[in-house]
Amino acid sequence: MMTRSALDFLVELKANNNREWFEANRTRYEQAAADFFDTVARFIQSLTSFDPEIAEVMPDPKSCIMRIYRDVRFSKDKTPYKTGLFAYVSKGGRKGALAGYYLHLEPGNSFGGGGLYLPEAPVLARTREAIETSFDEWNAIVTAPELLAAFPDGVLPSGVLKRAPKGYDETSPAIEWLRYKGYVTQRFFSDGEVVDEPFIEQLGDCCHAVMPMVAFLNSAIESDTP
């Protein structure tokens, strides 16, 4: 599980985001990374208790964890390291096109949830088609009391179009959702919650609530329709 020392490392990394400091504190980073690996392993185990697709593939935690090194090639911000630890768990892998569950740990900004963030155009087209044609089912999923209890802000967009996407009518009952460029949920956790023993259980309960949406999106993405 995560420890206070791991969070302390991330606090100091944010204040000293340079290679010299990082190399001088590499042992602390490796311990924080080990703590996060253990947390992700427990997170995956929690997911397998209710999501049969995760249970079937049983992802290796290492394959779900993003690197801490930033890609600065096209960024004005040249700081070399991310200031949080992130994992994405999906049956398609962290680089795949499928919806899944995620965990971001950063002092003062830790969150978890599930969904589909900024998918590529062909994937988004499939999800929109499914939402349009099965809107009653989609609406029941995203307004379910269990989902809204776990994520009071509901399902959030990862970007929104100003107008209806090409091929869809502005008067469609699903138009609000069709304008979304992605579908995500987000539950924030305090630093105290992150290092507390019940954290994984709490996170798992939240992800259980969003599983029907993840399943709906993946069914659409994997469908045979264009």
Protein backbone atom coordinates (compact mmCIF):
# COMPACT_ATOMS: atom_id res chain seq x y z
CA MET A 1 0.00 0.00 0.00
CA MET A 2 0.99 3.62 -0.33
CA THR A 3 2.96 5.20 2.51
CA ARG A 4 3.49 8.69 3.83
CA SER A 5 7.12 8.49 2.76
CA ALA A 6 6.04 7.86 -0.85
CA LEU A 7 3.78 10.92 -0.79
CA ASP A 8 6.56 12.95 0.84
CA PHE A 9 8.87 11.97 -2.02
CA LEU A 10 6.33 13.24 -4.56
CA VAL A 11 5.94 16.52 -2.67
CA GLU A 12 9.70 17.07 -2.77
CA LEU A 13 9.92 15.99 -6.41
CA LYS A 14 7.43 18.69 -7.35
CA ALA A 15 9.63 21.27 -5.64
CA ASN A 16 12.86 19.85 -7.12
CA ASN A 17 11.86 18.64 -10.57
CA ASN A 18 15.32 18.16 -12.07
CA ARG A 19 17.57 15.24 -12.89
CA GLU A 20 20.23 16.06 -10.32
CA TRP A 21 17.79 15.94 -7.41
CA PHE A 22 16.05 12.85 -8.79
CA GLU A 23 19.28 10.89 -9.13
CA ALA A 24 20.33 11.90 -5.62
CA ASN A 25 16.98 10.57 -4.37
CA ARG A 26 16.64 7.56 -6.66
CA THR A 27 16.46 5.11 -3.75
CA ARG A 28 13.47 7.00 -2.38
CA TYR A 29 11.86 6.94 -5.83
CA GLU A 30 12.37 3.20 -6.14
CA GLN A 31 10.69 2.66 -2.77
CA ALA A 32 7.77 4.91 -3.76
CA ALA A 33 7.48 3.01 -7.04
CA ALA A 34 7.45 -0.30 -5.13
CA ASP A 35 4.69 1.02 -2.87
CA PHE A 36 2.68 2.04 -5.93
CA PHE A 37 3.26 -1.33 -7.62
CA ASP A 38 1.82 -3.05 -4.55
CA THR A 39 -1.13 -0.64 -4.53
CA VAL A 40 -1.86 -1.31 -8.21
CA ALA A 41 -1.61 -5.08 -7.67
CA ARG A 42 -4.21 -4.82 -4.92
CA PHE A 43 -6.33 -2.55 -7.11
CA ILE A 44 -6.31 -5.12 -9.92
CA GLN A 45 -7.23 -7.87 -7.47
CA SER A 46 -10.18 -5.77 -6.32
CA LEU A 47 -11.33 -5.26 -9.92
CA THR A 48 -11.28 -9.00 -10.62
CA SER A 49 -13.90 -9.52 -7.92
CA PHE A 50 -16.59 -7.84 -10.04
CA ASP A 51 -15.28 -7.37 -13.61
CA PRO A 52 -14.98 -10.75 -15.36
CA GLU A 53 -13.03 -9.26 -18.28
CA ILE A 54 -10.28 -8.01 -15.95
CA ALA A 55 -10.35 -11.35 -14.15
CA GLU A 56 -9.91 -13.16 -17.48
CA VAL A 57 -6.78 -11.27 -18.55
CA MET A 58 -5.41 -10.66 -15.02
CA PRO A 59 -3.10 -7.77 -16.03
CA ASP A 60 0.43 -7.53 -14.70
CA PRO A 61 0.66 -4.35 -12.57
CA LYS A 62 3.85 -3.39 -14.42
CA SER A 63 1.94 -3.30 -17.71
CA CYS A 64 -0.63 -0.90 -16.22
CA ILE A 65 1.72 1.67 -14.68
CA MET A 66 2.76 4.74 -16.64
CA ARG A 67 6.38 5.88 -16.63
CA ILE A 68 7.29 8.79 -14.39
CA TYR A 69 9.39 10.39 -17.14
CA ARG A 70 7.66 13.14 -19.11
CA ASP A 71 7.80 13.39 -22.90
CA VAL A 72 9.03 16.97 -23.27
CA ARG A 73 9.80 16.93 -26.99
CA PHE A 74 6.86 19.13 -27.96
CA SER A 75 6.22 20.87 -24.64
CA LYS A 76 7.25 24.30 -23.43
CA ASP A 77 7.43 22.81 -19.94
CA LYS A 78 10.76 20.97 -19.87
CA THR A 79 10.53 19.59 -16.32
CA PRO A 80 11.58 15.96 -16.74
CA TYR A 81 9.30 14.14 -14.30
CA LYS A 82 5.61 13.74 -13.62
CA THR A 83 4.62 14.68 -10.09
CA GLY A 84 2.12 11.86 -9.66
CA LEU A 85 1.91 8.11 -10.22
CA PHE A 86 -0.70 6.77 -12.65
CA ALA A 87 -2.04 3.35 -13.60
CA TYR A 88 -4.66 2.34 -16.17
CA VAL A 89 -6.26 -1.10 -15.95
CA SER A 90 -8.10 -2.40 -19.00
CA LYS A 91 -8.42 -5.75 -20.71
CA GLY A 92 -6.85 -4.06 -23.74
CA GLY A 93 -3.80 -2.83 -21.81
CA ARG A 94 -2.79 0.69 -20.85
CA LYS A 95 -2.09 1.64 -24.49
CA GLY A 96 -5.17 -0.04 -25.90
CA ALA A 97 -8.36 1.58 -27.16
CA LEU A 98 -10.74 0.12 -24.58
CA ALA A 99 -12.42 1.73 -21.59
CA GLY A 100 -11.01 0.81 -18.20
CA TYR A 101 -10.23 1.89 -14.66
CA TYR A 102 -7.56 4.28 -13.45
CA LEU A 103 -5.72 5.43 -10.37
CA HIS A 104 -3.71 8.64 -10.03
CA LEU A 105 -1.79 9.26 -6.82
CA GLU A 106 -0.40 12.73 -6.20
CA PRO A 107 -0.28 14.66 -2.92
CA GLY A 108 -3.40 16.81 -2.73
CA ASN A 109 -4.67 15.55 -6.10
CA SER A 110 -5.28 11.80 -5.91
CA PHE A 111 -8.23 10.32 -7.75
CA GLY A 112 -9.63 7.16 -9.27
CA GLY A 113 -12.48 6.12 -11.51
CA GLY A 114 -13.35 4.50 -14.79
CA GLY A 115 -14.20 5.42 -18.35
CA LEU A 116 -12.78 6.27 -21.76
CA TYR A 117 -10.52 9.33 -22.07
CA LEU A 118 -10.16 11.10 -25.44
CA PRO A 119 -10.45 8.04 -27.68
CA GLU A 120 -9.36 8.19 -31.30
CA ALA A 121 -11.98 9.08 -33.91
CA PRO A 122 -12.97 5.53 -35.00
CA VAL A 123 -13.43 4.46 -31.38
CA LEU A 124 -15.43 7.56 -30.51
CA ALA A 125 -17.63 6.99 -33.56
CA ARG A 126 -18.55 3.53 -32.30
CA THR A 127 -19.39 4.78 -28.81
CA ARG A 128 -21.57 7.57 -30.20
CA GLU A 129 -23.45 5.15 -32.42
CA ALA A 130 -24.12 2.86 -29.46
CA ILE A 131 -25.29 5.74 -27.27
CA GLU A 132 -27.62 6.99 -30.01
CA THR A 133 -29.14 3.60 -30.81
CA SER A 134 -29.31 2.34 -27.19
CA PHE A 135 -29.96 5.63 -25.44
CA ASP A 136 -32.42 4.28 -22.88
CA GLU A 137 -29.85 1.72 -21.75
CA TRP A 138 -27.06 4.32 -21.67
CA ASN A 139 -29.18 6.83 -19.79
CA ALA A 140 -30.11 4.24 -17.17
CA ILE A 141 -26.42 3.42 -16.67
CA VAL A 142 -25.15 6.99 -16.31
CA THR A 143 -28.01 8.06 -14.01
CA ALA A 144 -27.92 4.96 -11.80
CA PRO A 145 -28.02 5.83 -8.07
CA GLU A 146 -24.96 3.65 -7.44
CA LEU A 147 -22.86 5.56 -9.97
CA LEU A 148 -23.97 8.97 -8.72
CA ALA A 149 -23.32 7.98 -5.10
CA ALA A 150 -19.76 6.97 -5.98
CA PHE A 151 -19.19 9.91 -8.34
CA PRO A 152 -21.37 12.89 -7.32
CA ASP A 153 -20.32 14.84 -10.43
CA GLY A 154 -21.56 12.00 -12.61
CA VAL A 155 -20.00 11.16 -15.96
CA LEU A 156 -17.72 13.93 -17.18
CA PRO A 157 -16.56 14.74 -20.72
CA SER A 158 -12.92 14.70 -21.76
CA GLY A 159 -13.70 17.54 -24.15
CA VAL A 160 -16.99 18.69 -25.71
CA LEU A 161 -17.98 19.65 -29.25
CA LYS A 162 -19.80 22.96 -29.67
CA ARG A 163 -22.22 21.40 -32.14
CA ALA A 164 -23.61 17.98 -32.92
CA PRO A 165 -21.04 15.62 -34.44
CA LYS A 166 -21.34 15.03 -38.16
CA GLY A 167 -24.24 12.75 -38.99
CA TYR A 168 -26.26 13.46 -35.85
CA ASP A 169 -29.30 15.67 -35.34
CA GLU A 170 -29.21 18.48 -32.77
CA THR A 171 -32.68 17.34 -31.64
CA SER A 172 -31.52 13.83 -30.71
CA PRO A 173 -32.42 12.91 -27.10
CA ALA A 174 -28.80 11.81 -26.73
CA ILE A 175 -27.27 15.01 -28.11
CA GLU A 176 -25.63 16.06 -24.83
CA TRP A 177 -23.72 12.78 -24.73
CA LEU A 178 -23.00 12.69 -28.44
CA ARG A 179 -21.08 15.96 -28.15
CA TYR A 180 -18.71 14.43 -25.60
CA LYS A 181 -15.21 13.49 -26.77
CA GLY A 182 -14.85 10.94 -23.99
CA TYR A 183 -16.64 9.62 -20.92
CA VAL A 184 -14.91 9.60 -17.54
CA THR A 185 -15.67 9.52 -13.82
CA GLN A 186 -13.51 10.97 -11.08
CA ARG A 187 -13.53 10.48 -7.32
CA PHE A 188 -10.93 12.38 -5.31
CA PHE A 189 -9.22 10.97 -2.23
CA SER A 190 -7.35 12.84 0.49
CA ASP A 191 -3.75 12.00 1.34
CA GLY A 192 -5.01 10.47 4.58
CA GLU A 193 -7.40 8.18 2.70
CA VAL A 194 -4.71 7.10 0.24
CA VAL A 195 -2.40 5.78 2.97
CA ASP A 196 -5.21 4.23 5.03
CA GLU A 197 -5.83 0.47 4.91
CA PRO A 198 -9.43 0.69 3.54
CA PHE A 199 -8.32 2.75 0.51
CA ILE A 200 -8.34 -0.08 -2.03
CA GLU A 201 -11.74 -1.26 -0.83
CA GLN A 202 -13.13 2.28 -1.20
CA LEU A 203 -11.59 2.65 -4.66
CA GLY A 204 -12.89 -0.76 -5.69
CA ASP A 205 -16.41 0.14 -4.58
CA CYS A 206 -16.29 3.25 -6.78
CA CYS A 207 -15.06 1.29 -9.77
CA HIS A 208 -17.73 -1.35 -9.22
CA ALA A 209 -20.32 1.41 -9.58
CA VAL A 210 -18.91 2.50 -12.95
CA MET A 211 -18.40 -1.01 -14.32
CA PRO A 212 -21.71 -1.01 -16.28
CA MET A 213 -20.56 2.09 -18.17
CA VAL A 214 -17.15 0.56 -18.88
CA ALA A 215 -18.86 -2.60 -20.14
CA PHE A 216 -21.25 -0.60 -22.35
CA LEU A 217 -18.42 1.37 -23.92
CA ASN A 218 -16.28 -1.70 -24.54
CA SER A 219 -19.20 -3.56 -26.09
CA ALA A 220 -19.62 -0.65 -28.49
CA ILE A 221 -15.91 -0.45 -29.29
CA GLU A 222 -15.65 -4.17 -29.95
CA SER A 223 -18.85 -4.37 -32.00
CA ASP A 224 -18.81 -5.34 -35.67
CA THR A 225 -20.58 -2.16 -36.77
CA PRO A 226 -18.43 0.64 -38.25
